[in-house]
Amino acid sequence: MHECYSVDVLKKEGLHDIAELVMHGFIHEIFVLKMDEEATNYVPRTIENKMVALADMYYNQNEQRVSLDERLADIIKRYKNDKTSLQAVRLGKKRFKKLEAEIFTLM
């Protein structure tokens, strides 16, 4: 949820463009799970935001370049005891796969 705090702080400071860029991860899925509501305002919309979100997924905690599948597996392993995070990752996998396909069709 650190992304939510970052986005909120940046928006309060009037830095809406930057707030859009840092918005990534599984915020949308966590809102769906915890609040039982869509949080589409936390889904990347601009091409820049989508690229940042995907680029973030290509590096693990050791700053090593990994595939999207490897990164998702790493997150699942690290959060194995956090039911909400595991569910969020599993829900978000399809969204990130679609995002990856979208970005690579533009290249």
Protein backbone atom coordinates (compact mmCIF):
# COMPACT_ATOMS: atom_id res chain seq x y z
CA MET A 1 0.00 0.00 0.00
CA HIS A 2 3.02 2.33 0.02
CA GLU A 3 2.02 3.40 -3.47
CA CYS A 4 -1.27 4.78 -2.14
CA TYR A 5 0.53 6.99 0.36
CA SER A 6 2.99 8.19 -2.27
CA VAL A 7 0.18 9.03 -4.68
CA ASP A 8 -1.81 10.85 -1.99
CA VAL A 9 1.17 12.94 -0.85
CA LEU A 10 2.11 13.90 -4.40
CA LYS A 11 -1.48 14.88 -5.25
CA LYS A 12 -1.76 16.97 -2.07
CA GLU A 13 1.40 18.77 -3.17
CA GLY A 14 -0.17 19.46 -6.57
CA LEU A 15 2.11 17.03 -8.40
CA HIS A 16 -0.63 15.10 -10.19
CA ASP A 17 1.49 14.14 -13.21
CA ILE A 18 4.17 12.60 -11.02
CA ALA A 19 1.53 10.93 -8.86
CA GLU A 20 0.23 9.17 -11.97
CA LEU A 21 3.73 7.88 -12.76
CA VAL A 22 4.41 6.34 -9.37
CA MET A 23 1.07 4.55 -9.25
CA HIS A 24 1.85 0.88 -9.79
CA GLY A 25 1.70 -2.48 -8.09
CA PHE A 26 -1.43 -4.17 -6.88
CA ILE A 27 -3.32 -1.24 -5.34
CA HIS A 28 -6.39 -1.83 -7.49
CA GLU A 29 -6.56 -5.49 -6.52
CA ILE A 30 -6.11 -4.73 -2.82
CA PHE A 31 -9.00 -2.26 -2.97
CA VAL A 32 -11.14 -4.87 -4.70
CA LEU A 33 -10.33 -7.42 -2.01
CA LYS A 34 -10.57 -5.18 1.05
CA MET A 35 -13.29 -2.75 0.01
CA ASP A 36 -15.15 -4.92 -2.47
CA GLU A 37 -15.06 -2.06 -4.95
CA GLU A 38 -13.19 -1.13 -8.08
CA ALA A 39 -10.38 1.37 -7.69
CA THR A 40 -9.78 2.20 -11.33
CA ASN A 41 -8.15 5.47 -10.29
CA TYR A 42 -5.24 3.27 -9.14
CA VAL A 43 -4.86 1.47 -12.48
CA PRO A 44 -2.20 2.89 -14.82
CA ARG A 45 -3.83 4.90 -17.62
CA THR A 46 -1.11 6.78 -19.46
CA ILE A 47 1.54 5.05 -21.53
CA GLU A 48 4.21 6.52 -19.25
CA ASN A 49 2.51 5.17 -16.14
CA LYS A 50 2.07 1.77 -17.76
CA MET A 51 5.75 1.66 -18.68
CA VAL A 52 6.83 2.53 -15.13
CA ALA A 53 4.50 -0.10 -13.67
CA LEU A 54 5.82 -2.78 -15.99
CA ALA A 55 9.45 -1.73 -15.55
CA ASP A 56 9.02 -2.01 -11.79
CA MET A 57 7.85 -5.59 -12.24
CA TYR A 58 11.00 -6.48 -14.19
CA TYR A 59 13.32 -6.02 -11.20
CA ASN A 60 13.33 -8.09 -8.03
CA GLN A 61 14.28 -7.07 -4.51
CA ASN A 62 17.95 -7.70 -5.36
CA GLU A 63 17.73 -5.28 -8.30
CA GLN A 64 18.17 -8.13 -10.76
CA ARG A 65 16.39 -8.09 -14.13
CA VAL A 66 13.76 -10.84 -14.17
CA SER A 67 10.80 -11.82 -16.29
CA LEU A 68 7.28 -10.86 -15.27
CA ASP A 69 6.56 -14.48 -14.29
CA GLU A 70 9.72 -14.64 -12.19
CA ARG A 71 8.82 -11.40 -10.44
CA LEU A 72 5.30 -12.56 -9.68
CA ALA A 73 6.65 -15.86 -8.33
CA ASP A 74 9.12 -13.92 -6.16
CA ILE A 75 6.37 -11.72 -4.74
CA ILE A 76 4.21 -14.76 -4.03
CA LYS A 77 7.13 -16.43 -2.23
CA ARG A 78 7.90 -13.33 -0.14
CA TYR A 79 4.26 -12.75 0.82
CA LYS A 80 3.34 -16.39 1.39
CA ASN A 81 1.94 -15.58 4.84
CA ASP A 82 -0.04 -12.52 3.76
CA LYS A 83 -3.35 -13.78 2.41
CA THR A 84 -4.50 -10.42 1.03
CA SER A 85 -1.24 -9.76 -0.81
CA LEU A 86 -1.26 -13.26 -2.31
CA GLN A 87 -4.80 -12.81 -3.53
CA ALA A 88 -3.95 -9.37 -4.93
CA VAL A 89 -0.98 -10.75 -6.86
CA ARG A 90 -3.05 -13.57 -8.28
CA LEU A 91 -5.78 -11.13 -9.32
CA GLY A 92 -3.26 -8.69 -10.76
CA LYS A 93 -1.36 -11.27 -12.80
CA LYS A 94 -3.84 -11.10 -15.67
CA ARG A 95 -3.75 -7.29 -15.64
CA PHE A 96 0.05 -7.23 -15.76
CA LYS A 97 0.18 -9.83 -18.54
CA LYS A 98 -2.24 -7.71 -20.55
CA LEU A 99 -0.17 -4.61 -19.80
CA GLU A 100 3.00 -6.36 -20.94
CA ALA A 101 1.36 -7.40 -24.21
CA GLU A 102 0.07 -3.84 -24.75
CA ILE A 103 3.52 -2.29 -24.21
CA PHE A 104 5.28 -4.79 -26.46
CA THR A 105 2.82 -4.23 -29.31
CA LEU A 106 3.88 -0.57 -29.26
CA MET A 107 7.54 -1.41 -29.75
